[in-house]
């Protein structure tokens, strides 16, 4: 059995830092709009920009810049734009903080072939992977632009992994669960305590999949499947 892991919010903390930055950004634009209006505009801009910039802190920074200009009617001073850059850099510079028990779980799965499939900015993700110290646990590591059925199919074909032997583990139903089920593989949902609005699945399409409260419960589940 080949078991693939998502990275952000599955192996290490990620979204909480973005959520903290959202609050700082809303405070920064308080002279021009209420927090709810800033958040609504930022989400709209991010949704539009995803096909242009993809995922990650750099894309988020550009969307914050555009939102600031829109909300302030282009009156935001250079100091505000500079602070937005600082906010984005702070996300990129943060240490990789592993979720509780991750090294122990990965070590316990030594009888399985492990992969990491994560999406986002290539340089930022490779940096996070290096800082995590987890790379040696994985047979293959792939950083992809999107996580849809076509992307998973391409990755599995490239590594000669049969879908019937493939299991994907991640915190996102939209990105880590549904696309793999669509292909005929298996998925395990391990929710994080917060999910980005644009990463929320609107419909599970009647699919059934296991949801674990903690990653530590994964080895027992995989053993029952094998």
N, C-alpha and C. Protein backbone atom coordinates (compact mmCIF):
# COMPACT_ATOMS: atom_id res chain seq x y z
N UNK A 1 0.85 -1.20 0.00
CA UNK A 1 0.00 0.00 0.00
C UNK A 1 0.88 1.25 0.00
N UNK A 2 0.54 2.21 -0.84
CA UNK A 2 1.25 3.49 -0.91
C UNK A 2 0.39 4.54 -0.22
N UNK A 3 0.93 5.18 0.79
CA UNK A 3 0.19 6.15 1.59
C UNK A 3 0.81 7.53 1.39
N UNK A 4 0.01 8.47 0.88
CA UNK A 4 0.49 9.83 0.63
C UNK A 4 -0.10 10.79 1.66
N UNK A 5 0.70 11.73 2.06
CA UNK A 5 0.29 12.73 3.04
C UNK A 5 0.27 14.12 2.41
N UNK A 6 -0.76 14.87 2.72
CA UNK A 6 -0.72 16.32 2.53
C UNK A 6 0.29 16.88 3.53
N UNK A 7 0.71 18.12 3.34
CA UNK A 7 1.69 18.71 4.26
C UNK A 7 1.06 19.76 5.17
N UNK A 8 0.64 20.90 4.59
CA UNK A 8 0.10 22.00 5.38
C UNK A 8 -1.15 21.57 6.14
N UNK A 9 -1.12 21.74 7.45
CA UNK A 9 -2.24 21.45 8.35
C UNK A 9 -2.56 19.96 8.45
N UNK A 10 -1.69 19.12 7.87
CA UNK A 10 -1.77 17.68 8.08
C UNK A 10 -0.52 17.21 8.82
N UNK A 11 0.63 17.68 8.38
CA UNK A 11 1.89 17.35 9.05
C UNK A 11 2.40 18.51 9.90
N UNK A 12 2.14 19.74 9.46
CA UNK A 12 2.57 20.90 10.23
C UNK A 12 1.53 22.01 10.16
N UNK A 13 1.62 22.92 11.13
CA UNK A 13 0.67 24.03 11.23
C UNK A 13 0.89 25.01 10.09
N UNK A 14 -0.22 25.53 9.55
CA UNK A 14 -0.11 26.49 8.46
C UNK A 14 -1.24 27.53 8.50
N UNK A 15 -2.48 27.09 8.44
CA UNK A 15 -3.59 28.01 8.27
C UNK A 15 -3.76 28.96 9.44
N UNK A 16 -3.38 28.55 10.64
CA UNK A 16 -3.53 29.45 11.79
C UNK A 16 -2.73 30.72 11.61
N UNK A 17 -1.54 30.63 10.98
CA UNK A 17 -0.73 31.82 10.73
C UNK A 17 -1.41 32.72 9.71
N UNK A 18 -2.03 32.13 8.69
CA UNK A 18 -2.77 32.94 7.72
C UNK A 18 -3.95 33.63 8.39
N UNK A 19 -4.65 32.91 9.26
CA UNK A 19 -5.80 33.51 9.95
C UNK A 19 -5.36 34.67 10.84
N UNK A 20 -4.24 34.51 11.51
CA UNK A 20 -3.68 35.60 12.33
C UNK A 20 -3.36 36.81 11.46
N UNK A 21 -2.81 36.56 10.27
CA UNK A 21 -2.48 37.64 9.35
C UNK A 21 -3.73 38.33 8.83
N UNK A 22 -4.80 37.57 8.62
CA UNK A 22 -6.08 38.16 8.23
C UNK A 22 -6.50 39.23 9.24
N UNK A 23 -6.40 38.90 10.52
CA UNK A 23 -6.82 39.84 11.56
C UNK A 23 -5.92 41.10 11.56
N UNK A 24 -4.62 40.89 11.36
CA UNK A 24 -3.71 42.04 11.30
C UNK A 24 -4.01 42.91 10.08
N UNK A 25 -4.33 42.26 8.97
CA UNK A 25 -4.66 42.99 7.75
C UNK A 25 -5.94 43.79 7.92
N UNK A 26 -6.93 43.20 8.56
CA UNK A 26 -8.18 43.93 8.82
C UNK A 26 -7.94 45.15 9.69
N UNK A 27 -7.09 45.02 10.70
CA UNK A 27 -6.77 46.16 11.56
C UNK A 27 -6.03 47.24 10.77
N UNK A 28 -5.19 46.82 9.85
CA UNK A 28 -4.41 47.76 9.04
C UNK A 28 -5.33 48.60 8.16
N UNK A 29 -6.42 48.00 7.69
CA UNK A 29 -7.35 48.72 6.79
C UNK A 29 -8.55 49.31 7.53
N UNK A 30 -8.50 49.30 8.85
CA UNK A 30 -9.60 49.84 9.65
C UNK A 30 -9.95 51.30 9.33
N UNK A 31 -8.98 52.14 8.92
CA UNK A 31 -9.36 53.53 8.58
C UNK A 31 -10.31 53.61 7.38
N UNK A 32 -10.41 52.56 6.59
CA UNK A 32 -11.22 52.62 5.38
C UNK A 32 -12.44 51.70 5.39
N UNK A 33 -12.44 50.65 6.21
CA UNK A 33 -13.57 49.72 6.15
C UNK A 33 -13.62 48.86 7.41
N UNK A 34 -14.83 48.34 7.69
CA UNK A 34 -15.00 47.39 8.78
C UNK A 34 -14.33 46.06 8.43
N UNK A 35 -14.00 45.29 9.46
CA UNK A 35 -13.29 44.03 9.27
C UNK A 35 -14.05 43.08 8.34
N UNK A 36 -15.36 43.01 8.49
CA UNK A 36 -16.15 42.08 7.66
C UNK A 36 -16.06 42.45 6.19
N UNK A 37 -16.07 43.75 5.90
CA UNK A 37 -15.98 44.20 4.51
C UNK A 37 -14.60 43.90 3.93
N UNK A 38 -13.57 44.08 4.74
CA UNK A 38 -12.21 43.77 4.29
C UNK A 38 -12.09 42.29 3.98
N UNK A 39 -12.61 41.45 4.88
CA UNK A 39 -12.53 40.00 4.69
C UNK A 39 -13.29 39.56 3.45
N UNK A 40 -14.45 40.12 3.24
CA UNK A 40 -15.26 39.77 2.06
C UNK A 40 -14.52 40.14 0.77
N UNK A 41 -13.94 41.33 0.74
CA UNK A 41 -13.23 41.77 -0.45
C UNK A 41 -11.97 40.94 -0.69
N UNK A 42 -11.26 40.63 0.39
CA UNK A 42 -10.05 39.83 0.25
C UNK A 42 -10.37 38.43 -0.29
N UNK A 43 -11.43 37.83 0.21
CA UNK A 43 -11.82 36.51 -0.28
C UNK A 43 -12.18 36.56 -1.75
N UNK A 44 -12.88 37.60 -2.16
CA UNK A 44 -13.26 37.76 -3.57
C UNK A 44 -12.02 37.92 -4.45
N UNK A 45 -11.08 38.73 -4.00
CA UNK A 45 -9.85 38.96 -4.76
C UNK A 45 -9.03 37.68 -4.84
N UNK A 46 -8.93 36.95 -3.74
CA UNK A 46 -8.18 35.69 -3.75
C UNK A 46 -8.80 34.68 -4.72
N UNK A 47 -10.13 34.60 -4.70
CA UNK A 47 -10.81 33.66 -5.60
C UNK A 47 -10.49 34.00 -7.06
N UNK A 48 -10.46 35.28 -7.39
CA UNK A 48 -10.15 35.71 -8.75
C UNK A 48 -8.69 35.45 -9.10
N UNK A 49 -7.82 35.63 -8.12
CA UNK A 49 -6.38 35.54 -8.38
C UNK A 49 -5.80 34.13 -8.35
N UNK A 50 -6.52 33.18 -7.79
CA UNK A 50 -5.97 31.82 -7.70
C UNK A 50 -5.51 31.27 -9.05
N UNK A 51 -6.29 31.44 -10.13
CA UNK A 51 -5.80 30.94 -11.43
C UNK A 51 -4.55 31.68 -11.92
N UNK A 52 -4.33 32.90 -11.43
CA UNK A 52 -3.16 33.68 -11.85
C UNK A 52 -1.92 33.33 -11.03
N UNK A 53 -2.09 33.31 -9.71
CA UNK A 53 -0.94 33.23 -8.81
C UNK A 53 -0.82 31.89 -8.09
N UNK A 54 -1.86 31.08 -8.10
CA UNK A 54 -1.81 29.83 -7.36
C UNK A 54 -1.98 30.05 -5.86
N UNK A 55 -1.49 29.07 -5.09
CA UNK A 55 -1.65 29.08 -3.64
C UNK A 55 -0.35 29.51 -2.96
N UNK A 56 -0.48 29.93 -1.71
CA UNK A 56 0.70 30.24 -0.92
C UNK A 56 0.77 31.67 -0.45
N UNK A 57 1.81 31.97 0.33
CA UNK A 57 1.97 33.27 0.96
C UNK A 57 2.20 34.39 -0.05
N UNK A 58 2.92 34.10 -1.13
CA UNK A 58 3.18 35.15 -2.12
C UNK A 58 1.90 35.57 -2.81
N UNK A 59 1.08 34.59 -3.17
CA UNK A 59 -0.22 34.88 -3.76
C UNK A 59 -1.09 35.67 -2.78
N UNK A 60 -1.05 35.26 -1.51
CA UNK A 60 -1.82 35.94 -0.47
C UNK A 60 -1.37 37.39 -0.33
N UNK A 61 -0.06 37.63 -0.39
CA UNK A 61 0.48 38.98 -0.27
C UNK A 61 -0.02 39.87 -1.42
N UNK A 62 0.03 39.35 -2.63
CA UNK A 62 -0.45 40.12 -3.79
C UNK A 62 -1.93 40.43 -3.67
N UNK A 63 -2.70 39.47 -3.18
CA UNK A 63 -4.14 39.70 -3.02
C UNK A 63 -4.42 40.71 -1.92
N UNK A 64 -3.62 40.71 -0.86
CA UNK A 64 -3.78 41.74 0.17
C UNK A 64 -3.46 43.13 -0.39
N UNK A 65 -2.42 43.23 -1.20
CA UNK A 65 -2.06 44.52 -1.81
C UNK A 65 -3.21 45.04 -2.67
N UNK A 66 -3.76 44.16 -3.50
CA UNK A 66 -4.86 44.57 -4.38
C UNK A 66 -6.09 44.96 -3.57
N UNK A 67 -6.38 44.20 -2.52
CA UNK A 67 -7.52 44.50 -1.67
C UNK A 67 -7.35 45.85 -0.99
N UNK A 68 -6.15 46.14 -0.51
CA UNK A 68 -5.89 47.42 0.15
C UNK A 68 -6.13 48.58 -0.79
N UNK A 69 -5.71 48.44 -2.03
CA UNK A 69 -5.92 49.50 -3.01
C UNK A 69 -7.40 49.65 -3.34
N UNK A 70 -8.10 48.52 -3.43
CA UNK A 70 -9.54 48.58 -3.72
C UNK A 70 -10.31 49.22 -2.57
N UNK A 71 -10.05 48.75 -1.35
CA UNK A 71 -10.78 49.21 -0.17
C UNK A 71 -10.53 50.69 0.09
N UNK A 72 -9.29 51.13 -0.11
CA UNK A 72 -8.93 52.52 0.18
C UNK A 72 -9.13 53.45 -1.01
N UNK A 73 -9.66 52.91 -2.10
CA UNK A 73 -9.82 53.69 -3.33
C UNK A 73 -8.47 54.29 -3.75
N UNK A 74 -7.43 53.48 -3.65
CA UNK A 74 -6.05 53.82 -4.03
C UNK A 74 -5.46 54.92 -3.17
N UNK A 75 -6.00 55.10 -1.95
CA UNK A 75 -5.46 56.10 -1.04
C UNK A 75 -4.50 55.51 -0.01
N UNK A 76 -4.37 54.19 0.03
CA UNK A 76 -3.46 53.58 1.01
C UNK A 76 -2.04 54.09 0.79
N UNK A 77 -1.39 54.59 1.84
CA UNK A 77 -0.05 55.16 1.68
C UNK A 77 1.01 54.08 1.52
N UNK A 78 2.19 54.46 1.09
CA UNK A 78 3.28 53.48 0.94
C UNK A 78 3.56 52.70 2.22
N UNK A 79 3.39 53.35 3.36
CA UNK A 79 3.66 52.67 4.62
C UNK A 79 2.72 51.47 4.82
N UNK A 80 1.47 51.62 4.38
CA UNK A 80 0.51 50.53 4.49
C UNK A 80 0.90 49.38 3.57
N UNK A 81 1.28 49.70 2.36
CA UNK A 81 1.70 48.66 1.42
C UNK A 81 2.98 47.96 1.89
N UNK A 82 3.87 48.72 2.48
CA UNK A 82 5.09 48.13 3.03
C UNK A 82 4.77 47.16 4.17
N UNK A 83 3.79 47.52 5.00
CA UNK A 83 3.39 46.65 6.10
C UNK A 83 2.76 45.36 5.57
N UNK A 84 2.04 45.44 4.47
CA UNK A 84 1.47 44.24 3.86
C UNK A 84 2.59 43.30 3.39
N UNK A 85 3.63 43.87 2.82
CA UNK A 85 4.78 43.06 2.42
C UNK A 85 5.39 42.38 3.64
N UNK A 86 5.50 43.10 4.73
CA UNK A 86 6.06 42.53 5.96
C UNK A 86 5.21 41.37 6.46
N UNK A 87 3.88 41.54 6.37
CA UNK A 87 2.98 40.48 6.81
C UNK A 87 3.21 39.21 5.98
N UNK A 88 3.34 39.38 4.68
CA UNK A 88 3.59 38.23 3.82
C UNK A 88 4.92 37.58 4.10
N UNK A 89 5.94 38.40 4.32
CA UNK A 89 7.27 37.86 4.61
C UNK A 89 7.29 37.11 5.94
N UNK A 90 6.50 37.57 6.89
CA UNK A 90 6.45 36.90 8.20
C UNK A 90 5.90 35.48 8.06
N UNK A 91 4.93 35.29 7.15
CA UNK A 91 4.42 33.95 6.90
C UNK A 91 5.51 33.08 6.29
N UNK A 92 6.21 33.61 5.32
CA UNK A 92 7.26 32.85 4.64
C UNK A 92 8.41 32.51 5.58
N UNK A 93 8.69 33.38 6.52
CA UNK A 93 9.84 33.20 7.40
C UNK A 93 9.54 32.36 8.64
N UNK A 94 8.30 32.02 8.85
CA UNK A 94 7.94 31.30 10.07
C UNK A 94 8.59 29.92 10.09
N UNK A 95 8.92 29.42 11.27
CA UNK A 95 9.46 28.06 11.36
C UNK A 95 8.37 27.04 11.04
N UNK A 96 8.78 25.86 10.61
CA UNK A 96 7.83 24.78 10.37
C UNK A 96 7.56 24.07 11.69
N UNK A 97 6.35 24.23 12.19
CA UNK A 97 5.98 23.64 13.49
C UNK A 97 5.13 22.40 13.25
N UNK A 98 5.69 21.24 13.56
CA UNK A 98 5.00 19.99 13.32
C UNK A 98 3.79 19.84 14.23
N UNK A 99 2.75 19.17 13.72
CA UNK A 99 1.62 18.81 14.55
C UNK A 99 2.06 17.72 15.53
N UNK A 100 1.36 17.64 16.62
CA UNK A 100 1.72 16.70 17.68
C UNK A 100 1.75 15.26 17.16
N UNK A 101 2.83 14.56 17.45
CA UNK A 101 2.93 13.14 17.15
C UNK A 101 3.29 12.77 15.73
N UNK A 102 3.51 13.75 14.86
CA UNK A 102 3.77 13.46 13.45
C UNK A 102 5.01 12.58 13.24
N UNK A 103 6.17 12.90 13.81
CA UNK A 103 7.34 12.04 13.58
C UNK A 103 7.11 10.60 14.03
N UNK A 104 6.42 10.43 15.15
CA UNK A 104 6.16 9.10 15.68
C UNK A 104 5.22 8.31 14.75
N UNK A 105 4.19 8.98 14.22
CA UNK A 105 3.27 8.32 13.29
C UNK A 105 4.00 7.88 12.04
N UNK A 106 4.79 8.76 11.46
CA UNK A 106 5.52 8.41 10.23
C UNK A 106 6.49 7.26 10.48
N UNK A 107 7.16 7.29 11.61
CA UNK A 107 8.10 6.21 11.93
C UNK A 107 7.39 4.88 12.09
N UNK A 108 6.16 4.91 12.59
CA UNK A 108 5.41 3.68 12.81
C UNK A 108 4.89 3.07 11.52
N UNK A 109 4.96 3.81 10.42
CA UNK A 109 4.44 3.35 9.14
C UNK A 109 5.56 2.87 8.22
N UNK A 110 6.65 2.40 8.80
CA UNK A 110 7.80 2.01 8.00
C UNK A 110 7.53 0.82 7.09
N UNK A 111 6.46 0.07 7.36
CA UNK A 111 6.12 -1.06 6.50
C UNK A 111 5.25 -0.65 5.31
N UNK A 112 4.93 0.65 5.21
CA UNK A 112 4.21 1.19 4.08
C UNK A 112 5.16 2.07 3.26
N UNK A 113 4.84 2.24 1.98
CA UNK A 113 5.57 3.19 1.14
C UNK A 113 4.90 4.54 1.27
N UNK A 114 5.65 5.55 1.70
CA UNK A 114 5.07 6.86 2.00
C UNK A 114 5.44 7.88 0.93
N UNK A 115 4.46 8.73 0.58
CA UNK A 115 4.66 9.86 -0.32
C UNK A 115 4.17 11.13 0.38
N UNK A 116 4.63 12.27 -0.10
CA UNK A 116 4.06 13.55 0.28
C UNK A 116 3.59 14.24 -1.01
N UNK A 117 2.33 14.66 -1.01
CA UNK A 117 1.79 15.41 -2.14
C UNK A 117 1.18 16.68 -1.57
N UNK A 118 1.82 17.79 -1.83
CA UNK A 118 1.38 19.07 -1.29
C UNK A 118 1.30 20.10 -2.39
N UNK A 119 0.44 21.09 -2.22
CA UNK A 119 0.31 22.12 -3.25
C UNK A 119 0.75 23.47 -2.71
N UNK A 120 1.07 24.37 -3.64
CA UNK A 120 1.48 25.71 -3.25
C UNK A 120 2.68 26.19 -4.04
N UNK A 121 3.26 27.28 -3.58
CA UNK A 121 4.44 27.83 -4.21
C UNK A 121 5.61 26.87 -4.03
N UNK A 122 6.28 26.52 -5.12
CA UNK A 122 7.33 25.51 -5.08
C UNK A 122 8.43 25.86 -4.09
N UNK A 123 8.99 27.07 -4.19
CA UNK A 123 10.12 27.44 -3.33
C UNK A 123 9.70 27.43 -1.86
N UNK A 124 8.52 28.00 -1.56
CA UNK A 124 8.07 28.07 -0.17
C UNK A 124 7.81 26.68 0.39
N UNK A 125 7.21 25.80 -0.41
CA UNK A 125 6.93 24.47 0.08
C UNK A 125 8.20 23.66 0.28
N UNK A 126 9.14 23.77 -0.64
CA UNK A 126 10.41 23.06 -0.47
C UNK A 126 11.14 23.55 0.77
N UNK A 127 11.04 24.84 1.04
CA UNK A 127 11.66 25.40 2.24
C UNK A 127 11.01 24.83 3.50
N UNK A 128 9.67 24.74 3.51
CA UNK A 128 8.96 24.18 4.66
C UNK A 128 9.32 22.72 4.86
N UNK A 129 9.41 21.98 3.76
CA UNK A 129 9.75 20.56 3.85
C UNK A 129 11.15 20.39 4.44
N UNK A 130 12.09 21.20 3.98
CA UNK A 130 13.46 21.12 4.51
C UNK A 130 13.48 21.44 6.00
N UNK A 131 12.77 22.49 6.39
CA UNK A 131 12.75 22.89 7.79
C UNK A 131 12.04 21.87 8.68
N UNK A 132 11.15 21.08 8.08
CA UNK A 132 10.38 20.12 8.87
C UNK A 132 11.23 18.95 9.36
N UNK A 133 12.27 18.62 8.60
CA UNK A 133 13.10 17.47 8.95
C UNK A 133 12.44 16.12 8.67
N UNK A 134 11.37 16.13 7.87
CA UNK A 134 10.61 14.90 7.63
C UNK A 134 10.92 14.22 6.30
N UNK A 135 11.70 14.85 5.45
CA UNK A 135 11.85 14.38 4.07
C UNK A 135 12.29 12.94 3.96
N UNK A 136 13.11 12.46 4.89
CA UNK A 136 13.66 11.10 4.79
C UNK A 136 12.60 10.03 4.99
N UNK A 137 11.43 10.40 5.48
CA UNK A 137 10.36 9.41 5.67
C UNK A 137 9.68 9.04 4.35
N UNK A 138 9.89 9.86 3.30
CA UNK A 138 9.07 9.73 2.10
C UNK A 138 9.85 9.19 0.91
N UNK A 139 9.23 8.26 0.21
CA UNK A 139 9.77 7.70 -1.03
C UNK A 139 9.76 8.75 -2.14
N UNK A 140 8.67 9.49 -2.26
CA UNK A 140 8.54 10.55 -3.26
C UNK A 140 7.88 11.76 -2.61
N UNK A 141 8.31 12.97 -3.02
CA UNK A 141 7.70 14.23 -2.57
C UNK A 141 7.35 15.03 -3.81
N UNK A 142 6.08 15.40 -3.94
CA UNK A 142 5.61 16.17 -5.09
C UNK A 142 4.95 17.46 -4.61
N UNK A 143 5.40 18.58 -5.16
CA UNK A 143 4.74 19.87 -4.93
C UNK A 143 3.99 20.21 -6.21
N UNK A 144 2.67 20.34 -6.11
CA UNK A 144 1.84 20.54 -7.29
C UNK A 144 1.11 21.88 -7.19
N UNK A 145 0.67 22.37 -8.34
CA UNK A 145 -0.05 23.64 -8.37
C UNK A 145 -1.49 23.50 -7.92
N UNK A 146 -2.10 22.36 -8.23
CA UNK A 146 -3.49 22.10 -7.89
C UNK A 146 -3.62 20.68 -7.39
N UNK A 147 -4.69 20.42 -6.67
CA UNK A 147 -5.00 19.06 -6.25
C UNK A 147 -6.39 18.70 -6.78
N UNK A 148 -6.43 18.28 -8.01
CA UNK A 148 -7.65 17.79 -8.60
C UNK A 148 -7.39 16.38 -9.12
N UNK A 149 -8.43 15.74 -9.64
CA UNK A 149 -8.29 14.35 -10.07
C UNK A 149 -7.22 14.21 -11.15
N UNK A 150 -7.18 15.15 -12.08
CA UNK A 150 -6.20 15.08 -13.17
C UNK A 150 -4.77 15.16 -12.64
N UNK A 151 -4.54 16.00 -11.64
CA UNK A 151 -3.20 16.13 -11.07
C UNK A 151 -2.79 14.86 -10.35
N UNK A 152 -3.69 14.31 -9.54
CA UNK A 152 -3.38 13.05 -8.85
C UNK A 152 -3.09 11.95 -9.87
N UNK A 153 -3.89 11.88 -10.92
CA UNK A 153 -3.69 10.84 -11.94
C UNK A 153 -2.31 10.96 -12.57
N UNK A 154 -1.89 12.19 -12.85
CA UNK A 154 -0.58 12.42 -13.46
C UNK A 154 0.54 12.01 -12.52
N UNK A 155 0.43 12.38 -11.25
CA UNK A 155 1.46 12.05 -10.27
C UNK A 155 1.58 10.53 -10.10
N UNK A 156 0.44 9.86 -10.00
CA UNK A 156 0.46 8.41 -9.79
C UNK A 156 0.99 7.68 -11.02
N UNK A 157 0.63 8.15 -12.19
CA UNK A 157 1.14 7.54 -13.41
C UNK A 157 2.65 7.72 -13.51
N UNK A 158 3.13 8.92 -13.18
CA UNK A 158 4.56 9.20 -13.27
C UNK A 158 5.37 8.31 -12.33
N UNK A 159 4.79 7.98 -11.17
CA UNK A 159 5.50 7.15 -10.21
C UNK A 159 5.09 5.68 -10.28
N UNK A 160 4.28 5.36 -11.28
CA UNK A 160 3.82 3.98 -11.49
C UNK A 160 3.14 3.42 -10.24
N UNK A 161 2.22 4.21 -9.68
CA UNK A 161 1.46 3.81 -8.50
C UNK A 161 0.04 3.46 -8.91
N UNK A 162 -0.40 2.23 -8.75
CA UNK A 162 -1.78 1.86 -9.10
C UNK A 162 -2.78 2.47 -8.12
N UNK A 163 -3.85 3.02 -8.65
CA UNK A 163 -4.82 3.73 -7.82
C UNK A 163 -5.43 2.83 -6.76
N UNK A 164 -5.58 1.54 -7.05
CA UNK A 164 -6.20 0.63 -6.09
C UNK A 164 -5.30 0.37 -4.88
N UNK A 165 -4.04 0.74 -4.96
CA UNK A 165 -3.12 0.59 -3.82
C UNK A 165 -2.82 1.92 -3.14
N UNK A 166 -3.51 2.98 -3.55
CA UNK A 166 -3.16 4.34 -3.11
C UNK A 166 -4.13 4.84 -2.06
N UNK A 167 -3.56 5.46 -1.01
CA UNK A 167 -4.34 6.11 0.05
C UNK A 167 -3.81 7.53 0.22
N UNK A 168 -4.71 8.50 0.24
CA UNK A 168 -4.33 9.90 0.47
C UNK A 168 -4.83 10.34 1.83
N UNK A 169 -3.96 10.97 2.61
CA UNK A 169 -4.28 11.44 3.96
C UNK A 169 -4.13 12.95 4.01
N UNK A 170 -5.18 13.65 4.44
CA UNK A 170 -5.07 15.11 4.50
C UNK A 170 -6.22 15.76 5.23
N UNK A 171 -6.06 17.05 5.46
CA UNK A 171 -7.06 17.81 6.23
C UNK A 171 -8.17 18.39 5.38
N UNK A 172 -8.00 18.39 4.05
CA UNK A 172 -8.97 19.06 3.17
C UNK A 172 -9.82 18.04 2.41
N UNK A 173 -11.13 18.07 2.65
CA UNK A 173 -12.04 17.21 1.88
C UNK A 173 -11.97 17.59 0.40
N UNK A 174 -11.90 18.87 0.13
CA UNK A 174 -11.89 19.35 -1.26
C UNK A 174 -10.65 18.91 -2.02
N UNK A 175 -9.48 18.98 -1.40
CA UNK A 175 -8.22 18.74 -2.10
C UNK A 175 -7.61 17.36 -1.85
N UNK A 176 -7.83 16.80 -0.67
CA UNK A 176 -7.15 15.56 -0.31
C UNK A 176 -8.05 14.33 -0.36
N UNK A 177 -9.35 14.53 -0.38
CA UNK A 177 -10.27 13.41 -0.28
C UNK A 177 -11.03 13.16 -1.58
N UNK A 178 -11.85 14.12 -1.98
CA UNK A 178 -12.76 13.90 -3.11
C UNK A 178 -12.06 13.58 -4.43
N UNK A 179 -10.96 14.28 -4.80
CA UNK A 179 -10.32 13.95 -6.09
C UNK A 179 -9.80 12.51 -6.15
N UNK A 180 -9.29 12.01 -5.03
CA UNK A 180 -8.76 10.64 -5.00
C UNK A 180 -9.88 9.62 -5.05
N UNK A 181 -10.97 9.89 -4.34
CA UNK A 181 -12.13 9.00 -4.41
C UNK A 181 -12.69 8.96 -5.82
N UNK A 182 -12.66 10.09 -6.50
CA UNK A 182 -13.13 10.15 -7.88
C UNK A 182 -12.34 9.20 -8.78
N UNK A 183 -11.06 9.04 -8.48
CA UNK A 183 -10.20 8.17 -9.28
C UNK A 183 -10.32 6.70 -8.90
N UNK A 184 -10.96 6.43 -7.76
CA UNK A 184 -11.10 5.05 -7.31
C UNK A 184 -10.13 4.66 -6.22
N UNK A 185 -9.41 5.63 -5.65
CA UNK A 185 -8.50 5.35 -4.55
C UNK A 185 -9.19 5.51 -3.21
N UNK A 186 -8.41 5.48 -2.15
CA UNK A 186 -8.94 5.65 -0.80
C UNK A 186 -8.39 6.96 -0.22
N UNK A 187 -9.17 7.57 0.66
CA UNK A 187 -8.76 8.81 1.32
C UNK A 187 -9.12 8.77 2.79
N UNK A 188 -8.31 9.43 3.58
CA UNK A 188 -8.55 9.57 5.01
C UNK A 188 -8.54 11.06 5.35
N UNK A 189 -9.60 11.51 5.99
CA UNK A 189 -9.72 12.93 6.36
C UNK A 189 -9.30 13.10 7.81
N UNK A 190 -8.30 13.96 8.03
CA UNK A 190 -7.86 14.30 9.38
C UNK A 190 -8.00 15.82 9.52
N UNK A 191 -9.15 16.29 10.00
CA UNK A 191 -9.42 17.74 10.00
C UNK A 191 -8.44 18.53 10.86
N UNK A 192 -8.15 19.75 10.38
CA UNK A 192 -7.42 20.74 11.18
C UNK A 192 -8.46 21.59 11.87
N UNK A 193 -8.06 22.33 12.90
CA UNK A 193 -9.06 23.07 13.69
C UNK A 193 -9.64 24.26 12.95
N UNK A 194 -9.01 24.68 11.85
CA UNK A 194 -9.55 25.77 11.04
C UNK A 194 -9.25 25.46 9.57
N UNK A 195 -10.21 25.81 8.71
CA UNK A 195 -10.06 25.56 7.28
C UNK A 195 -10.27 26.86 6.52
N UNK A 196 -9.39 27.14 5.58
CA UNK A 196 -9.51 28.32 4.73
C UNK A 196 -10.83 28.26 3.96
N UNK A 197 -11.51 29.40 3.84
CA UNK A 197 -12.80 29.47 3.16
C UNK A 197 -12.76 28.83 1.78
N UNK A 198 -11.73 29.13 0.99
CA UNK A 198 -11.66 28.64 -0.38
C UNK A 198 -11.20 27.18 -0.45
N UNK A 199 -10.92 26.57 0.69
CA UNK A 199 -10.52 25.16 0.72
C UNK A 199 -11.65 24.29 1.27
N UNK A 200 -12.82 24.89 1.47
CA UNK A 200 -13.96 24.16 2.02
C UNK A 200 -14.76 23.52 0.90
N UNK A 201 -15.05 22.25 1.04
CA UNK A 201 -15.86 21.54 0.04
C UNK A 201 -17.33 21.87 0.26
N UNK A 202 -17.99 22.34 -0.78
CA UNK A 202 -19.40 22.69 -0.66
C UNK A 202 -20.29 21.45 -0.61
N UNK A 203 -19.81 20.32 -1.16
CA UNK A 203 -20.62 19.11 -1.25
C UNK A 203 -19.68 17.91 -1.29
N UNK A 204 -19.97 16.88 -0.49
CA UNK A 204 -19.13 15.68 -0.55
C UNK A 204 -19.65 14.67 -1.56
N UNK A 205 -20.70 15.05 -2.29
CA UNK A 205 -21.24 14.24 -3.40
C UNK A 205 -21.61 12.83 -2.95
N UNK A 206 -22.00 12.70 -1.70
CA UNK A 206 -22.43 11.41 -1.19
C UNK A 206 -21.33 10.41 -0.95
N UNK A 207 -20.07 10.86 -1.05
CA UNK A 207 -18.93 9.96 -0.85
C UNK A 207 -18.75 9.63 0.63
N UNK A 208 -18.35 8.41 0.90
CA UNK A 208 -18.06 7.99 2.26
C UNK A 208 -16.56 7.81 2.44
N UNK A 209 -16.04 8.31 3.54
CA UNK A 209 -14.61 8.21 3.82
C UNK A 209 -14.40 8.34 5.32
N UNK A 210 -13.37 7.72 5.85
CA UNK A 210 -13.11 7.82 7.29
C UNK A 210 -12.58 9.19 7.68
N UNK A 211 -13.02 9.67 8.82
CA UNK A 211 -12.51 10.90 9.40
C UNK A 211 -11.92 10.58 10.76
N UNK A 212 -10.67 10.94 10.96
CA UNK A 212 -9.97 10.68 12.21
C UNK A 212 -9.82 11.97 13.01
N UNK A 213 -9.96 11.88 14.31
CA UNK A 213 -9.78 13.05 15.16
C UNK A 213 -8.32 13.45 15.27
N UNK A 214 -7.44 12.49 15.11
CA UNK A 214 -6.00 12.77 15.26
C UNK A 214 -5.22 11.83 14.37
N UNK A 215 -4.05 12.29 13.93
CA UNK A 215 -3.22 11.50 13.03
C UNK A 215 -2.73 10.22 13.70
N UNK A 216 -2.64 10.23 15.02
CA UNK A 216 -2.15 9.06 15.75
C UNK A 216 -3.05 7.83 15.55
N UNK A 217 -4.29 8.05 15.12
CA UNK A 217 -5.21 6.93 14.89
C UNK A 217 -5.02 6.31 13.50
N UNK A 218 -4.18 6.91 12.67
CA UNK A 218 -4.02 6.44 11.29
C UNK A 218 -3.37 5.05 11.18
N UNK A 219 -2.29 4.75 11.90
CA UNK A 219 -1.66 3.44 11.73
C UNK A 219 -2.62 2.28 11.93
N UNK A 220 -3.46 2.36 12.93
CA UNK A 220 -4.43 1.28 13.17
C UNK A 220 -5.38 1.11 12.00
N UNK A 221 -5.86 2.22 11.44
CA UNK A 221 -6.76 2.16 10.29
C UNK A 221 -6.06 1.53 9.09
N UNK A 222 -4.84 1.97 8.81
CA UNK A 222 -4.12 1.43 7.65
C UNK A 222 -3.83 -0.06 7.82
N UNK A 223 -3.51 -0.49 9.02
CA UNK A 223 -3.27 -1.90 9.27
C UNK A 223 -4.54 -2.71 9.01
N UNK A 224 -5.69 -2.16 9.35
CA UNK A 224 -6.94 -2.88 9.11
C UNK A 224 -7.23 -2.99 7.61
N UNK A 225 -6.78 -2.00 6.84
CA UNK A 225 -6.98 -2.05 5.38
C UNK A 225 -6.00 -2.98 4.70
N UNK A 226 -4.82 -3.14 5.26
CA UNK A 226 -3.79 -3.94 4.60
C UNK A 226 -3.93 -5.43 4.93
